[in-house]
Amino acid sequence: MKNYFALLLLLEFFMIGVFTAADVFLFYVFFEAMLVPMYFIIGSFGGPRRQYAAMKFFLYSLVGGLLMLASVIGVYVTSGTGSFAIGDLVGHVPEGNTGRWLFLGFFIAFAIKAPLVPFHTWLPDAGAEAPAGGAALLVGVLDKVGTFGFLRYCLPLFPEASRWFAMPVLILSVIGIIYAAFLAIGQRDMKRLVAYTSVAHFGFIGLGIFAFTTQGGTGAVFYMVNHGFSTGALFIIVGLLIARGKSRNVEDYGGAVRVTPILAGLFLIAGLSALALPGMSTFVSEFLVLVGSFTRHKGLAVLATTGMILAAIYVLYLYQRTFQGTVSEKVTKFRDVNLREVLAVAPLLALIVFLGVYPKPVLDVINPAVKATLSDVHETDPTPQYGTAIGGQK
């Protein structure tokens, strides 16, 4: 157990380095270093197929990291600045085919980490086999390195390439929203189901980032924050349920609300945040993403909206099968959550509700950064097609 917590602390240290690095080479070093503790967390403390999941996670991320290393070297050579500092490189990376190839090296690495379809296949295995705490950290925080990389490195360093590849990325994001939602509906493994919900949510984040609007970008960044709270809480609560039933199979549970009402209530709140119920912080994120993307890509935004409907299906269906219905024999022996377990989840759920009602403190921090990023990409919000009632049609 001591080794487990030591690995978690080491992983958190590397993640702090990733999010604070202002040098692309130093960022790469921390980006790759994160693989080591997470590999051992999954491979040593995970489920029955932990070795397979750990190796798959490691190889996927390693291949992406090597592609990014090639692009880091390419950026250093072609920029002519003699520096790896992000501030020195912005505006000095060549455009055209050279910039597009360099962009792809960064993009694929971040798309694997995010994960975006079709680079997502490592996540269901890693999320399902990782221990509950490791899975919450993996999906709640570590995956954000990918979408953070889009905003921090891809867009400022390669503005022309970002615009050139925007439409394929948007299409992949919408495909990911719908495809992952259908896969989640058909899952019998609770942890795999939660992992697939994350793939769908990252589709919304990718849609907001590459829509190149202030509302879309703000919604995407806010979604990154909210997804960490929502999915982290959901993984922890599912882990508490699995710890009692010793099974990840949904069919092994039923009627648990009559035996563990507090656990059922916590699960329901986390589930409602995953389906973006109004009043939850995730609803604010999805609303901003859809509104921001609709101003530029109406068809894609309408298709993405179906993801909200599908989310309601897989979340409520999971809750119905595990907590409603006839009480199974296994469930009758369960105990409800204790104070320590409630305290582990309650702060996350409180933040979800608070930011759903009053998101202004976080949005005030996000908005200036999003506007600066759009400026780096040389994009502005589209002009409204219709004016106000006073001004008339434009």
Protein backbone atom coordinates (compact mmCIF):
# COMPACT_ATOMS: atom_id res chain seq x y z
CA MET A 1 0.00 0.00 0.00
CA LYS A 2 2.91 2.34 0.74
CA ASN A 3 4.26 1.75 -2.75
CA TYR A 4 0.83 2.56 -4.20
CA PHE A 5 0.65 5.94 -2.49
CA ALA A 6 4.28 6.68 -3.38
CA LEU A 7 3.47 6.06 -7.05
CA LEU A 8 0.41 8.34 -6.82
CA LEU A 9 2.54 11.14 -5.34
CA LEU A 10 5.20 10.67 -8.03
CA LEU A 11 2.54 10.80 -10.74
CA GLU A 12 1.08 13.99 -9.27
CA PHE A 13 4.55 15.57 -9.24
CA PHE A 14 5.06 14.79 -12.92
CA MET A 15 1.59 16.10 -13.78
CA ILE A 16 2.36 19.39 -12.03
CA GLY A 17 5.49 19.60 -14.18
CA VAL A 18 3.49 18.97 -17.35
CA PHE A 19 0.95 21.70 -16.62
CA THR A 20 3.51 24.30 -15.53
CA ALA A 21 6.30 23.74 -18.07
CA ALA A 22 7.01 26.75 -20.28
CA ASP A 23 9.60 24.87 -22.37
CA VAL A 24 8.54 22.33 -25.02
CA PHE A 25 11.42 19.96 -24.31
CA LEU A 26 10.85 20.06 -20.55
CA PHE A 27 7.16 19.47 -21.26
CA TYR A 28 8.09 16.40 -23.30
CA VAL A 29 10.25 15.04 -20.46
CA PHE A 30 7.39 15.30 -17.94
CA PHE A 31 4.92 14.04 -20.55
CA GLU A 32 6.87 10.80 -20.92
CA ALA A 33 7.78 10.53 -17.22
CA MET A 34 4.10 10.29 -16.31
CA LEU A 35 3.94 6.92 -18.04
CA VAL A 36 6.19 5.19 -15.53
CA PRO A 37 4.20 5.58 -12.28
CA MET A 38 0.87 5.05 -14.06
CA TYR A 39 2.22 1.89 -15.69
CA PHE A 40 3.12 0.44 -12.29
CA ILE A 41 -0.15 1.63 -10.70
CA ILE A 42 -2.15 -0.28 -13.32
CA GLY A 43 0.23 -3.24 -13.69
CA SER A 44 0.81 -3.86 -9.98
CA PHE A 45 -2.45 -2.89 -8.29
CA GLY A 46 -5.08 -3.31 -11.02
CA GLY A 47 -7.61 -5.98 -11.98
CA PRO A 48 -7.22 -9.44 -13.53
CA ARG A 49 -6.03 -8.12 -16.93
CA ARG A 50 -3.79 -5.45 -15.42
CA GLN A 51 -0.60 -6.46 -17.25
CA TYR A 52 -2.28 -6.28 -20.66
CA ALA A 53 -3.92 -2.93 -19.85
CA ALA A 54 -0.72 -1.45 -18.45
CA MET A 55 1.35 -2.48 -21.45
CA LYS A 56 -1.27 -1.21 -23.90
CA PHE A 57 -1.42 2.14 -22.10
CA PHE A 58 2.37 2.39 -22.06
CA LEU A 59 2.89 1.51 -25.73
CA TYR A 60 0.15 3.82 -27.02
CA SER A 61 1.49 6.76 -25.02
CA LEU A 62 5.10 5.97 -25.84
CA VAL A 63 4.45 5.96 -29.60
CA GLY A 64 2.65 9.28 -29.31
CA GLY A 65 5.47 10.70 -27.22
CA LEU A 66 8.09 9.68 -29.78
CA LEU A 67 6.12 11.41 -32.53
CA MET A 68 5.99 14.52 -30.39
CA LEU A 69 9.74 14.33 -29.73
CA ALA A 70 10.37 14.34 -33.48
CA SER A 71 8.17 17.43 -33.80
CA VAL A 72 9.87 19.12 -30.82
CA ILE A 73 13.22 18.70 -32.55
CA GLY A 74 11.69 19.87 -35.83
CA VAL A 75 10.27 22.98 -34.20
CA TYR A 76 13.63 23.79 -32.61
CA VAL A 77 15.51 23.39 -35.91
CA THR A 78 13.06 25.15 -38.22
CA SER A 79 12.18 28.07 -35.95
CA GLY A 80 15.74 29.42 -35.93
CA THR A 81 15.31 30.80 -32.41
CA GLY A 82 17.79 28.50 -30.72
CA SER A 83 15.30 28.10 -27.87
CA PHE A 84 12.75 25.59 -26.62
CA ALA A 85 10.78 28.22 -24.68
CA ILE A 86 7.18 28.39 -25.86
CA GLY A 87 7.22 32.20 -25.72
CA ASP A 88 10.21 32.35 -28.08
CA LEU A 89 8.81 29.81 -30.54
CA VAL A 90 5.35 31.31 -31.08
CA GLY A 91 5.28 33.07 -34.44
CA HIS A 92 8.56 31.54 -35.65
CA VAL A 93 7.46 28.04 -36.71
CA PRO A 94 7.20 27.71 -40.52
CA GLU A 95 3.76 27.42 -42.08
CA GLY A 96 2.75 25.32 -45.06
CA ASN A 97 3.59 21.63 -45.31
CA THR A 98 6.41 21.83 -42.78
CA GLY A 99 4.18 23.32 -40.12
CA ARG A 100 1.43 20.81 -40.86
CA TRP A 101 3.73 17.80 -40.42
CA LEU A 102 5.09 19.24 -37.18
CA PHE A 103 1.53 19.90 -36.01
CA LEU A 104 0.59 16.26 -36.65
CA GLY A 105 3.40 15.04 -34.39
CA PHE A 106 2.06 17.06 -31.49
CA PHE A 107 -1.58 16.42 -32.34
CA ILE A 108 -1.36 12.62 -32.49
CA ALA A 109 0.48 12.52 -29.16
CA PHE A 110 -2.19 14.68 -27.54
CA ALA A 111 -5.07 12.86 -29.28
CA ILE A 112 -3.80 9.55 -27.86
CA LYS A 113 -3.51 11.04 -24.38
CA ALA A 114 -6.90 12.82 -24.52
CA PRO A 115 -8.16 10.33 -25.93
CA LEU A 116 -9.95 11.18 -29.17
CA VAL A 117 -11.42 8.59 -31.53
CA PRO A 118 -9.75 6.64 -33.17
CA PHE A 119 -6.81 6.88 -30.74
CA HIS A 120 -8.91 5.94 -27.71
CA THR A 121 -8.77 2.15 -27.51
CA TRP A 122 -6.27 2.03 -24.65
CA LEU A 123 -8.55 3.92 -22.24
CA PRO A 124 -11.36 1.37 -21.69
CA ASP A 125 -8.80 -1.30 -20.76
CA ALA A 126 -6.69 0.99 -18.58
CA GLY A 127 -9.71 2.56 -16.88
CA ALA A 128 -11.32 -0.81 -16.22
CA GLU A 129 -8.21 -2.51 -14.82
CA ALA A 130 -6.74 0.38 -12.83
CA PRO A 131 -7.59 0.58 -9.10
CA ALA A 132 -10.36 3.06 -8.30
CA GLY A 133 -8.02 5.84 -7.12
CA GLY A 134 -5.67 5.35 -10.04
CA ALA A 135 -8.57 5.30 -12.51
CA ALA A 136 -9.95 8.55 -11.06
CA LEU A 137 -6.53 10.17 -11.43
CA LEU A 138 -6.01 8.70 -14.90
CA VAL A 139 -9.32 9.84 -16.37
CA GLY A 140 -9.90 12.86 -14.15
CA VAL A 141 -6.50 14.55 -14.50
CA LEU A 142 -3.90 12.74 -16.62
CA ASP A 143 -6.09 12.65 -19.73
CA LYS A 144 -6.41 16.44 -19.60
CA VAL A 145 -2.78 16.66 -20.67
CA GLY A 146 -3.99 15.90 -24.20
CA THR A 147 -6.58 18.65 -24.46
CA PHE A 148 -4.30 21.00 -22.53
CA GLY A 149 -1.65 20.30 -25.16
CA PHE A 150 -4.02 21.31 -27.95
CA LEU A 151 -4.54 24.70 -26.32
CA ARG A 152 -1.04 25.27 -25.00
CA TYR A 153 1.08 24.01 -27.91
CA CYS A 154 -0.84 23.04 -31.06
CA LEU A 155 -2.84 26.24 -31.51
CA PRO A 156 -0.21 28.89 -30.63
CA LEU A 157 2.72 27.15 -32.36
CA PHE A 158 0.84 26.07 -35.51
CA PRO A 159 -2.02 28.52 -36.15
CA GLU A 160 -2.19 27.88 -39.88
CA ALA A 161 -2.02 24.09 -39.48
CA SER A 162 -4.62 24.21 -36.69
CA ARG A 163 -7.06 25.96 -39.00
CA TRP A 164 -6.21 23.60 -41.87
CA PHE A 165 -6.89 20.47 -39.78
CA ALA A 166 -9.84 21.91 -37.86
CA MET A 167 -12.62 20.27 -39.85
CA PRO A 168 -11.23 16.69 -39.67
CA VAL A 169 -10.73 17.13 -35.92
CA LEU A 170 -14.27 18.42 -35.50
CA ILE A 171 -15.68 15.46 -37.43
CA LEU A 172 -13.65 13.00 -35.34
CA SER A 173 -14.86 14.72 -32.17
CA VAL A 174 -18.52 14.36 -33.13
CA ILE A 175 -17.98 10.74 -34.17
CA GLY A 176 -16.37 10.13 -30.79
CA ILE A 177 -19.34 11.63 -28.94
CA ILE A 178 -21.87 9.36 -30.64
CA TYR A 179 -19.72 6.24 -31.07
CA ALA A 180 -18.52 6.16 -27.45
CA ALA A 181 -22.04 6.79 -26.16
CA PHE A 182 -23.40 3.75 -28.03
CA LEU A 183 -20.53 1.61 -26.74
CA ALA A 184 -21.22 2.80 -23.19
CA ILE A 185 -24.88 1.78 -23.51
CA GLY A 186 -23.87 -1.78 -24.39
CA GLN A 187 -21.29 -2.29 -21.63
CA ARG A 188 -21.72 -4.86 -18.84
CA ASP A 189 -18.53 -3.82 -17.03
CA MET A 190 -19.19 -0.73 -14.90
CA LYS A 191 -15.67 0.65 -15.08
CA ARG A 192 -15.48 0.21 -18.85
CA LEU A 193 -18.81 2.01 -19.12
CA VAL A 194 -17.45 4.99 -17.17
CA ALA A 195 -14.31 4.96 -19.32
CA TYR A 196 -16.38 5.15 -22.51
CA THR A 197 -18.33 8.08 -21.10
CA SER A 198 -15.00 9.90 -20.87
CA VAL A 199 -14.28 9.26 -24.55
CA ALA A 200 -17.63 10.87 -25.38
CA HIS A 201 -16.94 13.83 -23.10
CA PHE A 202 -13.55 14.43 -24.69
CA GLY A 203 -15.35 14.63 -28.00
CA PHE A 204 -17.21 17.66 -26.65
CA ILE A 205 -13.92 19.18 -25.50
CA GLY A 206 -12.32 18.69 -28.92
CA LEU A 207 -15.41 20.18 -30.59
CA GLY A 208 -15.20 23.29 -28.42
CA ILE A 209 -11.47 23.80 -28.93
CA PHE A 210 -11.43 23.51 -32.71
CA ALA A 211 -14.63 25.47 -33.27
CA PHE A 212 -12.45 28.57 -32.71
CA THR A 213 -15.07 30.62 -30.89
CA THR A 214 -14.86 32.25 -27.47
CA GLN A 215 -17.89 30.39 -26.17
CA GLY A 216 -16.73 27.05 -27.55
CA GLY A 217 -13.21 27.46 -26.17
CA THR A 218 -14.45 28.59 -22.78
CA GLY A 219 -16.86 25.66 -22.63
CA ALA A 220 -14.09 23.23 -23.57
CA VAL A 221 -11.72 24.47 -20.87
CA PHE A 222 -14.52 24.54 -18.31
CA TYR A 223 -15.42 21.00 -19.38
CA MET A 224 -11.85 19.93 -18.65
CA VAL A 225 -12.32 21.15 -15.08
CA ASN A 226 -15.79 19.68 -14.65
CA HIS A 227 -14.94 16.35 -16.23
CA GLY A 228 -12.24 15.84 -13.62
CA PHE A 229 -14.78 16.34 -10.83
CA SER A 230 -17.60 14.36 -12.45
CA THR A 231 -15.75 11.33 -13.78
CA GLY A 232 -13.37 11.24 -10.82
CA ALA A 233 -16.34 11.05 -8.45
CA LEU A 234 -18.06 8.45 -10.63
CA PHE A 235 -14.98 6.20 -10.68
CA ILE A 236 -14.58 6.45 -6.91
CA ILE A 237 -18.25 5.65 -6.25
CA VAL A 238 -18.22 2.74 -8.70
CA GLY A 239 -15.07 1.56 -6.94
CA LEU A 240 -16.90 1.63 -3.59
CA LEU A 241 -19.69 -0.48 -5.08
CA ILE A 242 -17.25 -2.96 -6.61
CA ALA A 243 -15.34 -3.22 -3.32
CA ARG A 244 -18.56 -4.44 -1.69
CA GLY A 245 -19.69 -6.80 -4.46
CA LYS A 246 -16.26 -8.00 -5.67
CA SER A 247 -17.52 -7.79 -9.25
CA ARG A 248 -17.52 -5.21 -12.06
CA ASN A 249 -20.44 -6.89 -13.84
CA VAL A 250 -23.61 -4.78 -13.78
CA GLU A 251 -25.79 -7.89 -13.76
CA ASP A 252 -24.44 -8.95 -10.36
CA TYR A 253 -26.17 -6.03 -8.65
CA GLY A 254 -29.72 -4.84 -8.23
CA GLY A 255 -31.89 -3.10 -5.66
CA ALA A 256 -28.91 -1.63 -3.83
CA VAL A 257 -30.80 1.58 -3.04
CA ARG A 258 -32.75 -0.30 -0.36
CA VAL A 259 -29.57 -1.47 1.36
CA THR A 260 -27.16 1.42 0.69
CA PRO A 261 -29.31 4.54 0.24
CA ILE A 262 -26.47 7.02 0.83
CA LEU A 263 -24.23 5.30 -1.72
CA ALA A 264 -27.16 5.28 -4.16
CA GLY A 265 -27.68 9.02 -3.65
CA LEU A 266 -24.01 9.79 -4.23
CA PHE A 267 -24.04 7.62 -7.35
CA LEU A 268 -27.14 9.35 -8.68
CA ILE A 269 -25.65 12.84 -8.25
CA ALA A 270 -22.40 11.82 -9.97
CA GLY A 271 -24.39 10.13 -12.74
CA LEU A 272 -26.58 13.18 -13.31
CA SER A 273 -23.45 15.30 -13.63
CA ALA A 274 -22.13 12.86 -16.26
CA LEU A 275 -25.29 13.33 -18.34
CA ALA A 276 -25.06 17.14 -17.95
CA LEU A 277 -28.29 17.75 -16.08
CA PRO A 278 -29.13 21.49 -15.76
CA GLY A 279 -27.90 22.67 -12.39
CA MET A 280 -24.71 20.64 -12.71
CA SER A 281 -21.44 22.23 -13.81
CA THR A 282 -21.13 19.87 -16.79
CA PHE A 283 -24.34 21.32 -18.24
CA VAL A 284 -22.75 24.78 -18.37
CA SER A 285 -19.75 23.30 -20.19
CA GLU A 286 -21.76 21.39 -22.78
CA PHE A 287 -24.11 24.31 -23.35
CA LEU A 288 -21.20 26.68 -24.06
CA VAL A 289 -19.53 24.14 -26.36
CA LEU A 290 -22.70 23.54 -28.36
CA VAL A 291 -23.61 27.22 -28.62
CA GLY A 292 -20.05 28.15 -29.59
CA SER A 293 -19.79 25.41 -32.22
CA PHE A 294 -23.28 26.11 -33.59
CA THR A 295 -22.25 29.60 -34.71
CA ARG A 296 -19.70 28.08 -37.12
CA HIS A 297 -20.76 24.47 -37.73
CA LYS A 298 -24.49 24.05 -37.29
CA GLY A 299 -24.70 20.49 -38.59
CA LEU A 300 -21.93 19.19 -36.35
CA ALA A 301 -23.41 20.95 -33.33
CA VAL A 302 -26.81 19.38 -33.96
CA LEU A 303 -25.25 15.91 -34.25
CA ALA A 304 -23.26 16.48 -31.06
CA THR A 305 -26.47 17.36 -29.23
CA THR A 306 -27.61 13.76 -29.64
CA GLY A 307 -24.76 12.83 -27.33
CA MET A 308 -26.65 14.44 -24.45
CA ILE A 309 -29.65 12.19 -25.15
CA LEU A 310 -27.48 9.08 -25.36
CA ALA A 311 -25.74 10.07 -22.11
CA ALA A 312 -29.09 10.06 -20.33
CA ILE A 313 -29.68 6.53 -21.61
CA TYR A 314 -26.41 4.96 -20.46
CA VAL A 315 -26.29 6.75 -17.08
CA LEU A 316 -29.89 6.11 -16.07
CA TYR A 317 -29.79 2.56 -17.44
CA LEU A 318 -26.70 1.84 -15.30
CA TYR A 319 -28.35 3.32 -12.21
CA GLN A 320 -31.54 1.35 -12.83
CA ARG A 321 -29.74 -1.97 -13.17
CA THR A 322 -27.53 -1.53 -10.11
CA PHE A 323 -29.66 0.34 -7.57
CA GLN A 324 -33.28 -0.23 -8.61
CA GLY A 325 -35.37 -3.38 -9.02
CA THR A 326 -35.30 -6.54 -6.94
CA VAL A 327 -32.63 -6.74 -4.26
CA SER A 328 -30.13 -9.42 -5.23
CA GLU A 329 -28.82 -11.87 -2.64
CA LYS A 330 -25.31 -10.44 -2.86
CA VAL A 331 -26.51 -6.89 -2.26
CA THR A 332 -28.30 -7.79 0.99
CA LYS A 333 -24.90 -8.20 2.66
CA PHE A 334 -23.64 -4.75 1.66
CA ARG A 335 -22.97 -2.00 4.16
CA ASP A 336 -23.63 1.63 3.39
CA VAL A 337 -20.82 4.16 3.02
CA ASN A 338 -19.07 5.35 6.16
CA LEU A 339 -17.99 8.89 7.01
CA ARG A 340 -14.52 8.50 5.51
CA GLU A 341 -15.94 7.37 2.18
CA VAL A 342 -18.48 10.19 2.12
CA LEU A 343 -15.76 12.75 2.80
CA ALA A 344 -13.76 11.38 -0.14
CA VAL A 345 -16.59 12.07 -2.59
CA ALA A 346 -18.64 14.91 -1.08
CA PRO A 347 -16.21 17.76 -1.99
CA LEU A 348 -16.28 16.75 -5.67
CA LEU A 349 -20.06 16.62 -5.74
CA ALA A 350 -20.31 19.93 -3.89
CA LEU A 351 -18.08 21.59 -6.48
CA ILE A 352 -20.18 20.12 -9.30
CA VAL A 353 -23.36 21.63 -7.85
CA PHE A 354 -21.76 24.96 -6.88
CA LEU A 355 -20.18 25.54 -10.30
CA GLY A 356 -23.41 24.47 -11.95
CA VAL A 357 -25.27 27.24 -10.15
CA TYR A 358 -22.51 29.86 -10.05
CA PRO A 359 -19.72 29.19 -12.62
CA LYS A 360 -18.59 32.83 -12.81
CA PRO A 361 -15.43 32.51 -10.64
CA VAL A 362 -13.94 29.89 -12.95
CA LEU A 363 -15.22 31.41 -16.19
CA ASP A 364 -13.65 34.76 -15.29
CA VAL A 365 -10.27 33.02 -15.16
CA ILE A 366 -10.82 31.02 -18.35
CA ASN A 367 -12.16 33.77 -20.64
CA PRO A 368 -8.99 35.92 -20.96
CA ALA A 369 -6.85 32.86 -21.71
CA VAL A 370 -9.28 31.64 -24.39
CA LYS A 371 -9.34 35.06 -26.06
CA ALA A 372 -5.54 35.14 -26.07
CA THR A 373 -5.42 31.67 -27.65
CA LEU A 374 -7.89 32.68 -30.37
CA SER A 375 -5.71 35.70 -31.06
CA ASP A 376 -2.70 33.39 -31.48
CA VAL A 377 -4.67 31.38 -34.06
CA HIS A 378 -5.75 34.62 -35.79
CA GLU A 379 -9.43 33.75 -35.33
CA THR A 380 -12.31 35.90 -34.13
CA ASP A 381 -15.88 35.08 -33.22
CA PRO A 382 -18.16 34.96 -36.29
CA THR A 383 -20.37 37.97 -36.87
CA PRO A 384 -23.97 37.24 -35.87
CA GLN A 385 -26.28 36.79 -38.83
CA TYR A 386 -29.08 38.54 -37.01
CA GLY A 387 -28.93 41.76 -35.06
CA THR A 388 -30.92 42.85 -32.06
CA ALA A 389 -34.57 43.80 -32.15
CA ILE A 390 -33.45 47.44 -32.23
CA GLY A 391 -30.72 47.10 -34.79
CA GLY A 392 -32.62 44.80 -37.11
CA GLN A 393 -31.09 42.16 -39.37
CA LYS A 394 -27.42 42.55 -40.32
